[in-house]
Amino acid sequence: MEQDPSTALKTFINQSVVPGDVVLDLSTLTTQTIKLGTGLRQDGDAISVIKAGKLRFEKPNKYWVEGSHKRYVPCVEDHVLGIVLDCRADNFLVDIKGPTLAFLPVLAFEGVIRKNIPKFEFGTLLYARVVKANAGMNPELSCIDASGKAAEFGPLTDGFMFETSTGLSRMLLSSPPCPLLEGLGKKLSFEIAVGLNGRVWVNAESPAKVILVCNAIMKSGSSSPGEQKVYVEKLLERV
């Protein structure tokens, strides 16, 4: 009997899974397409788990394993914060906290041709998306979206970047917006870029605001939505 992915995976959603668990058999499905995020991979007809955590679902058809890990496993379409380590003829070598360095083609920027290739110094921070992530190969990045536009991607200047767990990064990017960032945004003006690889960049008009936002994120990372809301309200009363 054929079934859809949501029915087949329902037993595992929000449940703890470990590497080796098979959460879905594609041979039993209809033609509906599903999208696999970090922590999952396809082996033939089997969708199996490759890292410990909880299986999560996002409409309409994306599944991933969420966990608080320091090591990042690249996945296609993840948005990441990378640090430029070297520049070669065709690629920048970028650290994204993964098992290997990532390649960022020198032409993977909006409007760039060979005559105006960007130049980045060692340590430049970039916001990029993962476009290739095959086992045993260096992942590939891009600083343009699917339509060829720069969108929000590219170098991040000024501000402050800190590293955290991948679980905290996903919490900050959750939908609906996490109460922490929503509460801070009502009273403070700041910029933030969150990478699914466990890096967060914050920029504001003054160093004091940058420090306040960064500390708030780091201190409330393991709190529940309700606790975050109370924490932000008390914090902003003192500002």
C-alpha atoms as a PDB file:
ATOM      1  CA  MET A   1       0.000   0.000   0.000  1.00  0.00           C
ATOM      2  CA  GLU A   2       1.453   3.356  -1.043  1.00  0.00           C
ATOM      3  CA  GLN A   3       1.547   6.257   1.362  1.00  0.00           C
ATOM      4  CA  ASP A   4       2.785   9.820   1.503  1.00  0.00           C
ATOM      5  CA  PRO A   5       5.978  10.878   3.344  1.00  0.00           C
ATOM      6  CA  SER A   6       4.138  12.757   6.090  1.00  0.00           C
ATOM      7  CA  THR A   7       2.293   9.566   7.064  1.00  0.00           C
ATOM      8  CA  ALA A   8       5.382   7.374   6.827  1.00  0.00           C
ATOM      9  CA  LEU A   9       7.527   9.725   8.896  1.00  0.00           C
ATOM     10  CA  LYS A  10       4.885  10.734  11.430  1.00  0.00           C
ATOM     11  CA  THR A  11       6.154   8.202  13.974  1.00  0.00           C
ATOM     12  CA  PHE A  12       9.609   9.801  13.991  1.00  0.00           C
ATOM     13  CA  ILE A  13       8.798  13.535  13.881  1.00  0.00           C
ATOM     14  CA  ASN A  14      10.139  15.286  17.026  1.00  0.00           C
ATOM     15  CA  GLN A  15      11.558  11.971  18.255  1.00  0.00           C
ATOM     16  CA  SER A  16      15.213  11.273  19.024  1.00  0.00           C
ATOM     17  CA  VAL A  17      17.073   9.411  16.291  1.00  0.00           C
ATOM     18  CA  VAL A  18      20.628   8.087  16.020  1.00  0.00           C
ATOM     19  CA  PRO A  19      22.959   7.284  13.117  1.00  0.00           C
ATOM     20  CA  GLY A  20      21.822   4.175  11.282  1.00  0.00           C
ATOM     21  CA  ASP A  21      18.100   4.600  11.961  1.00  0.00           C
ATOM     22  CA  VAL A  22      16.012   4.159   8.802  1.00  0.00           C
ATOM     23  CA  VAL A  23      13.108   6.609   8.981  1.00  0.00           C
ATOM     24  CA  LEU A  24      11.588   6.167   5.537  1.00  0.00           C
ATOM     25  CA  ASP A  25      11.359   3.539   2.780  1.00  0.00           C
ATOM     26  CA  LEU A  26      10.923   5.332  -0.554  1.00  0.00           C
ATOM     27  CA  SER A  27       9.620   2.193  -2.257  1.00  0.00           C
ATOM     28  CA  THR A  28       6.360   2.564  -0.308  1.00  0.00           C
ATOM     29  CA  LEU A  29       5.701   6.168  -1.366  1.00  0.00           C
ATOM     30  CA  THR A  30       3.657   7.882  -4.003  1.00  0.00           C
ATOM     31  CA  THR A  31       5.369  10.266  -6.420  1.00  0.00           C
ATOM     32  CA  GLN A  32       5.485  13.149  -3.906  1.00  0.00           C
ATOM     33  CA  THR A  33       8.942  14.716  -3.683  1.00  0.00           C
ATOM     34  CA  ILE A  34      10.609  15.246  -0.309  1.00  0.00           C
ATOM     35  CA  LYS A  35      13.583  17.434   0.573  1.00  0.00           C
ATOM     36  CA  LEU A  36      16.286  16.118   2.901  1.00  0.00           C
ATOM     37  CA  GLY A  37      18.129  18.504   5.177  1.00  0.00           C
ATOM     38  CA  THR A  38      21.133  18.014   7.412  1.00  0.00           C
ATOM     39  CA  GLY A  39      21.443  14.710   9.267  1.00  0.00           C
ATOM     40  CA  LEU A  40      19.663  12.586   6.655  1.00  0.00           C
ATOM     41  CA  ARG A  41      20.833  10.808   3.531  1.00  0.00           C
ATOM     42  CA  GLN A  42      19.425   8.486   0.894  1.00  0.00           C
ATOM     43  CA  ASP A  43      20.811   4.969   0.435  1.00  0.00           C
ATOM     44  CA  GLY A  44      18.858   3.392  -2.389  1.00  0.00           C
ATOM     45  CA  ASP A  45      15.233   3.413  -1.255  1.00  0.00           C
ATOM     46  CA  ALA A  46      16.116   4.011   2.404  1.00  0.00           C
ATOM     47  CA  ILE A  47      16.285   7.424   4.092  1.00  0.00           C
ATOM     48  CA  SER A  48      18.652   6.970   7.008  1.00  0.00           C
ATOM     49  CA  VAL A  49      20.009   9.098   9.854  1.00  0.00           C
ATOM     50  CA  ILE A  50      23.673  10.148   9.877  1.00  0.00           C
ATOM     51  CA  LYS A  51      23.789  12.203  13.092  1.00  0.00           C
ATOM     52  CA  ALA A  52      22.070  12.073  16.460  1.00  0.00           C
ATOM     53  CA  GLY A  53      19.277  14.493  17.273  1.00  0.00           C
ATOM     54  CA  LYS A  54      15.555  14.958  16.754  1.00  0.00           C
ATOM     55  CA  LEU A  55      13.806  14.529  13.428  1.00  0.00           C
ATOM     56  CA  ARG A  56      12.132  17.772  12.383  1.00  0.00           C
ATOM     57  CA  PHE A  57       9.652  18.687   9.652  1.00  0.00           C
ATOM     58  CA  GLU A  58       8.907  21.955   7.845  1.00  0.00           C
ATOM     59  CA  LYS A  59       6.051  22.414   5.391  1.00  0.00           C
ATOM     60  CA  PRO A  60       5.623  21.512   2.674  1.00  0.00           C
ATOM     61  CA  ASN A  61       8.094  18.649   2.460  1.00  0.00           C
ATOM     62  CA  LYS A  62      11.454  19.275   4.191  1.00  0.00           C
ATOM     63  CA  TYR A  63      12.889  16.942   6.842  1.00  0.00           C
ATOM     64  CA  TRP A  64      16.117  17.211   8.827  1.00  0.00           C
ATOM     65  CA  VAL A  65      17.758  16.099  12.065  1.00  0.00           C
ATOM     66  CA  GLU A  66      18.202  18.854  14.622  1.00  0.00           C
ATOM     67  CA  GLY A  67      20.882  18.552  17.246  1.00  0.00           C
ATOM     68  CA  SER A  68      23.320  20.684  19.203  1.00  0.00           C
ATOM     69  CA  HIS A  69      26.614  19.821  17.560  1.00  0.00           C
ATOM     70  CA  LYS A  70      29.840  21.755  17.189  1.00  0.00           C
ATOM     71  CA  ARG A  71      30.810  19.946  13.977  1.00  0.00           C
ATOM     72  CA  TYR A  72      28.713  20.947  10.999  1.00  0.00           C
ATOM     73  CA  VAL A  73      27.690  18.510   8.257  1.00  0.00           C
ATOM     74  CA  PRO A  74      27.085  20.484   5.029  1.00  0.00           C
ATOM     75  CA  CYS A  75      23.719  20.117   3.295  1.00  0.00           C
ATOM     76  CA  VAL A  76      22.543  21.629  -0.005  1.00  0.00           C
ATOM     77  CA  GLU A  77      20.707  24.955   0.391  1.00  0.00           C
ATOM     78  CA  ASP A  78      22.029  25.554   3.923  1.00  0.00           C
ATOM     79  CA  HIS A  79      22.992  29.172   4.535  1.00  0.00           C
ATOM     80  CA  VAL A  80      26.371  29.358   6.260  1.00  0.00           C
ATOM     81  CA  LEU A  81      28.950  31.807   7.550  1.00  0.00           C
ATOM     82  CA  GLY A  82      32.346  31.016   6.114  1.00  0.00           C
ATOM     83  CA  ILE A  83      35.849  32.337   6.687  1.00  0.00           C
ATOM     84  CA  VAL A  84      38.139  32.790   3.683  1.00  0.00           C
ATOM     85  CA  LEU A  85      41.443  30.978   4.191  1.00  0.00           C
ATOM     86  CA  ASP A  86      43.000  31.085   0.747  1.00  0.00           C
ATOM     87  CA  CYS A  87      42.443  32.220  -2.838  1.00  0.00           C
ATOM     88  CA  ARG A  88      43.282  30.114  -5.877  1.00  0.00           C
ATOM     89  CA  ALA A  89      42.847  30.709  -9.584  1.00  0.00           C
ATOM     90  CA  ASP A  90      39.266  29.439  -9.727  1.00  0.00           C
ATOM     91  CA  ASN A  91      38.143  29.158  -6.103  1.00  0.00           C
ATOM     92  CA  PHE A  92      38.312  30.644  -2.650  1.00  0.00           C
ATOM     93  CA  LEU A  93      38.966  28.095   0.091  1.00  0.00           C
ATOM     94  CA  VAL A  94      36.473  28.684   2.879  1.00  0.00           C
ATOM     95  CA  ASP A  95      36.176  27.270   6.394  1.00  0.00           C
ATOM     96  CA  ILE A  96      32.530  26.466   7.208  1.00  0.00           C
ATOM     97  CA  LYS A  97      33.217  24.284  10.297  1.00  0.00           C
ATOM     98  CA  GLY A  98      32.696  21.134   8.229  1.00  0.00           C
ATOM     99  CA  PRO A  99      34.914  18.053   7.875  1.00  0.00           C
ATOM    100  CA  THR A 100      36.672  19.673   4.885  1.00  0.00           C
ATOM    101  CA  LEU A 101      37.158  23.163   3.490  1.00  0.00           C
ATOM    102  CA  ALA A 102      34.541  24.412   1.034  1.00  0.00           C
ATOM    103  CA  PHE A 103      35.163  25.721  -2.477  1.00  0.00           C
ATOM    104  CA  LEU A 104      33.645  29.067  -3.448  1.00  0.00           C
ATOM    105  CA  PRO A 105      34.095  29.666  -7.207  1.00  0.00           C
ATOM    106  CA  VAL A 106      35.442  33.135  -7.944  1.00  0.00           C
ATOM    107  CA  LEU A 107      32.564  33.640 -10.403  1.00  0.00           C
ATOM    108  CA  ALA A 108      29.824  32.672  -7.910  1.00  0.00           C
ATOM    109  CA  PHE A 109      28.900  36.313  -7.262  1.00  0.00           C
ATOM    110  CA  GLU A 110      26.300  38.515  -8.920  1.00  0.00           C
ATOM    111  CA  GLY A 111      27.653  40.350 -11.971  1.00  0.00           C
ATOM    112  CA  VAL A 112      31.177  38.957 -11.649  1.00  0.00           C
ATOM    113  CA  ILE A 113      33.253  38.075 -14.718  1.00  0.00           C
ATOM    114  CA  ARG A 114      36.946  37.282 -15.052  1.00  0.00           C
ATOM    115  CA  LYS A 115      37.815  40.973 -15.285  1.00  0.00           C
ATOM    116  CA  ASN A 116      36.307  41.920 -11.916  1.00  0.00           C
ATOM    117  CA  ILE A 117      36.837  38.907  -9.680  1.00  0.00           C
ATOM    118  CA  PRO A 118      36.442  39.946  -6.016  1.00  0.00           C
ATOM    119  CA  LYS A 119      39.492  40.002  -3.795  1.00  0.00           C
ATOM    120  CA  PHE A 120      39.177  38.874  -0.202  1.00  0.00           C
ATOM    121  CA  GLU A 121      41.833  38.971   2.480  1.00  0.00           C
ATOM    122  CA  PHE A 122      42.576  36.043   4.756  1.00  0.00           C
ATOM    123  CA  GLY A 123      39.888  35.929   7.456  1.00  0.00           C
ATOM    124  CA  THR A 124      37.130  37.667   5.455  1.00  0.00           C
ATOM    125  CA  LEU A 125      33.703  36.597   6.694  1.00  0.00           C
ATOM    126  CA  LEU A 126      31.185  35.588   4.018  1.00  0.00           C
ATOM    127  CA  TYR A 127      27.494  34.715   4.084  1.00  0.00           C
ATOM    128  CA  ALA A 128      26.899  32.017   1.478  1.00  0.00           C
ATOM    129  CA  ARG A 129      24.723  29.059   0.578  1.00  0.00           C
ATOM    130  CA  VAL A 130      25.752  25.456   0.016  1.00  0.00           C
ATOM    131  CA  VAL A 131      25.096  24.328  -3.564  1.00  0.00           C
ATOM    132  CA  LYS A 132      26.926  20.984  -3.562  1.00  0.00           C
ATOM    133  CA  ALA A 133      27.491  18.611  -0.642  1.00  0.00           C
ATOM    134  CA  ASN A 134      28.531  15.135  -1.725  1.00  0.00           C
ATOM    135  CA  ALA A 135      30.098  12.597   0.617  1.00  0.00           C
ATOM    136  CA  GLY A 136      33.871  12.431   0.249  1.00  0.00           C
ATOM    137  CA  MET A 137      34.091  15.708  -1.667  1.00  0.00           C
ATOM    138  CA  ASN A 138      34.643  19.321  -0.698  1.00  0.00           C
ATOM    139  CA  PRO A 139      31.322  21.170  -0.500  1.00  0.00           C
ATOM    140  CA  GLU A 140      30.718  24.020  -2.931  1.00  0.00           C
ATOM    141  CA  LEU A 141      29.341  27.431  -2.006  1.00  0.00           C
ATOM    142  CA  SER A 142      27.740  30.317  -3.864  1.00  0.00           C
ATOM    143  CA  CYS A 143      27.098  33.957  -3.009  1.00  0.00           C
ATOM    144  CA  ILE A 144      24.055  34.243  -5.292  1.00  0.00           C
ATOM    145  CA  ASP A 145      20.566  32.809  -4.903  1.00  0.00           C
ATOM    146  CA  ALA A 146      18.808  30.465  -7.340  1.00  0.00           C
ATOM    147  CA  SER A 147      17.799  33.417  -9.545  1.00  0.00           C
ATOM    148  CA  GLY A 148      21.394  34.667  -9.850  1.00  0.00           C
ATOM    149  CA  LYS A 149      20.955  37.615  -7.488  1.00  0.00           C
ATOM    150  CA  ALA A 150      23.238  38.449  -4.577  1.00  0.00           C
ATOM    151  CA  ALA A 151      20.241  38.729  -2.218  1.00  0.00           C
ATOM    152  CA  GLU A 152      21.705  38.772   1.301  1.00  0.00           C
ATOM    153  CA  PHE A 153      24.850  36.829   0.383  1.00  0.00           C
ATOM    154  CA  GLY A 154      28.399  38.174   0.278  1.00  0.00           C
ATOM    155  CA  PRO A 155      31.044  39.596   2.641  1.00  0.00           C
ATOM    156  CA  LEU A 156      30.055  40.777   6.115  1.00  0.00           C
ATOM    157  CA  THR A 157      31.998  43.775   7.371  1.00  0.00           C
ATOM    158  CA  ASP A 158      32.308  45.247  10.843  1.00  0.00           C
ATOM    159  CA  GLY A 159      30.182  43.683  13.560  1.00  0.00           C
ATOM    160  CA  PHE A 160      31.121  40.620  15.589  1.00  0.00           C
ATOM    161  CA  MET A 161      30.967  36.912  14.789  1.00  0.00           C
ATOM    162  CA  PHE A 162      30.793  34.163  17.398  1.00  0.00           C
ATOM    163  CA  GLU A 163      30.483  30.398  17.219  1.00  0.00           C
ATOM    164  CA  THR A 164      27.800  28.301  18.841  1.00  0.00           C
ATOM    165  CA  SER A 165      26.019  24.987  18.314  1.00  0.00           C
ATOM    166  CA  THR A 166      24.084  24.076  15.188  1.00  0.00           C
ATOM    167  CA  GLY A 167      21.019  23.587  17.384  1.00  0.00           C
ATOM    168  CA  LEU A 168      21.103  27.198  18.560  1.00  0.00           C
ATOM    169  CA  SER A 169      21.485  28.387  14.973  1.00  0.00           C
ATOM    170  CA  ARG A 170      18.354  26.504  13.927  1.00  0.00           C
ATOM    171  CA  MET A 171      16.488  27.908  16.926  1.00  0.00           C
ATOM    172  CA  LEU A 172      17.357  31.458  15.832  1.00  0.00           C
ATOM    173  CA  LEU A 173      16.116  30.698  12.308  1.00  0.00           C
ATOM    174  CA  SER A 174      12.933  28.969  13.424  1.00  0.00           C
ATOM    175  CA  SER A 175       9.506  29.900  12.114  1.00  0.00           C
ATOM    176  CA  PRO A 176       7.582  31.584  13.644  1.00  0.00           C
ATOM    177  CA  PRO A 177      10.467  33.844  14.773  1.00  0.00           C
ATOM    178  CA  CYS A 178      12.049  32.887  18.069  1.00  0.00           C
ATOM    179  CA  PRO A 179      10.863  35.165  20.925  1.00  0.00           C
ATOM    180  CA  LEU A 180      14.447  36.160  21.684  1.00  0.00           C
ATOM    181  CA  LEU A 181      15.149  37.898  18.359  1.00  0.00           C
ATOM    182  CA  GLU A 182      11.577  39.128  18.026  1.00  0.00           C
ATOM    183  CA  GLY A 183      11.751  40.810  21.427  1.00  0.00           C
ATOM    184  CA  LEU A 184      15.170  42.344  20.848  1.00  0.00           C
ATOM    185  CA  GLY A 185      14.103  43.646  17.440  1.00  0.00           C
ATOM    186  CA  LYS A 186      11.200  45.604  18.929  1.00  0.00           C
ATOM    187  CA  LYS A 187      13.502  47.790  21.001  1.00  0.00           C
ATOM    188  CA  LEU A 188      16.924  47.607  19.374  1.00  0.00           C
ATOM    189  CA  SER A 189      18.175  48.260  15.864  1.00  0.00           C
ATOM    190  CA  PHE A 190      20.723  45.673  14.752  1.00  0.00           C
ATOM    191  CA  GLU A 191      21.717  43.389  11.872  1.00  0.00           C
ATOM    192  CA  ILE A 192      22.132  39.656  12.251  1.00  0.00           C
ATOM    193  CA  ALA A 193      23.219  36.812   9.988  1.00  0.00           C
ATOM    194  CA  VAL A 194      22.823  33.247  11.224  1.00  0.00           C
ATOM    195  CA  GLY A 195      24.585  30.318   9.609  1.00  0.00           C
ATOM    196  CA  LEU A 196      23.275  26.790  10.008  1.00  0.00           C
ATOM    197  CA  ASN A 197      26.892  25.824  10.605  1.00  0.00           C
ATOM    198  CA  GLY A 198      26.793  27.302  14.103  1.00  0.00           C
ATOM    199  CA  ARG A 199      28.070  30.818  13.459  1.00  0.00           C
ATOM    200  CA  VAL A 200      26.262  34.075  14.206  1.00  0.00           C
ATOM    201  CA  TRP A 201      27.203  37.603  13.090  1.00  0.00           C
ATOM    202  CA  VAL A 202      25.778  40.708  14.758  1.00  0.00           C
ATOM    203  CA  ASN A 203      26.249  44.359  13.850  1.00  0.00           C
ATOM    204  CA  ALA A 204      24.779  47.536  15.391  1.00  0.00           C
ATOM    205  CA  GLU A 205      25.440  51.265  15.643  1.00  0.00           C
ATOM    206  CA  SER A 206      27.473  50.853  18.823  1.00  0.00           C
ATOM    207  CA  PRO A 207      29.700  48.146  20.331  1.00  0.00           C
ATOM    208  CA  ALA A 208      27.505  48.157  23.449  1.00  0.00           C
ATOM    209  CA  LYS A 209      24.462  47.054  21.449  1.00  0.00           C
ATOM    210  CA  VAL A 210      26.467  44.372  19.663  1.00  0.00           C
ATOM    211  CA  ILE A 211      27.646  42.965  22.994  1.00  0.00           C
ATOM    212  CA  LEU A 212      24.136  43.087  24.458  1.00  0.00           C
ATOM    213  CA  VAL A 213      22.613  41.130  21.548  1.00  0.00           C
ATOM    214  CA  CYS A 214      25.432  38.582  21.445  1.00  0.00           C
ATOM    215  CA  ASN A 215      25.260  37.944  25.187  1.00  0.00           C
ATOM    216  CA  ALA A 216      21.478  37.608  25.051  1.00  0.00           C
ATOM    217  CA  ILE A 217      21.729  34.956  22.339  1.00  0.00           C
ATOM    218  CA  MET A 218      24.447  32.984  24.105  1.00  0.00           C
ATOM    219  CA  LYS A 219      22.749  33.086  27.509  1.00  0.00           C
ATOM    220  CA  SER A 220      19.289  32.041  26.367  1.00  0.00           C
ATOM    221  CA  GLY A 221      20.190  29.433  23.775  1.00  0.00           C
ATOM    222  CA  SER A 222      18.866  26.479  25.790  1.00  0.00           C
ATOM    223  CA  SER A 223      15.769  28.273  27.093  1.00  0.00           C
ATOM    224  CA  SER A 224      12.204  27.523  26.084  1.00  0.00           C
ATOM    225  CA  PRO A 225      10.236  30.113  24.038  1.00  0.00           C
ATOM    226  CA  GLY A 226       8.421  31.220  27.190  1.00  0.00           C
ATOM    227  CA  GLU A 227      11.653  31.629  29.122  1.00  0.00           C
ATOM    228  CA  GLN A 228      13.179  33.603  26.248  1.00  0.00           C
ATOM    229  CA  LYS A 229      10.268  36.030  26.235  1.00  0.00           C
ATOM    230  CA  VAL A 230      10.571  36.671  29.980  1.00  0.00           C
ATOM    231  CA  TYR A 231      14.362  37.004  29.739  1.00  0.00           C
ATOM    232  CA  VAL A 232      14.186  39.585  26.932  1.00  0.00           C
ATOM    233  CA  GLU A 233      11.557  41.654  28.730  1.00  0.00           C
ATOM    234  CA  LYS A 234      13.697  41.837  31.878  1.00  0.00           C
ATOM    235  CA  LEU A 235      16.831  42.558  29.871  1.00  0.00           C
ATOM    236  CA  LEU A 236      15.274  45.436  27.945  1.00  0.00           C
ATOM    237  CA  GLU A 237      13.932  46.993  31.158  1.00  0.00           C
ATOM    238  CA  ARG A 238      17.544  47.631  32.145  1.00  0.00           C
ATOM    239  CA  VAL A 239      18.584  49.129  28.792  1.00  0.00           C
END
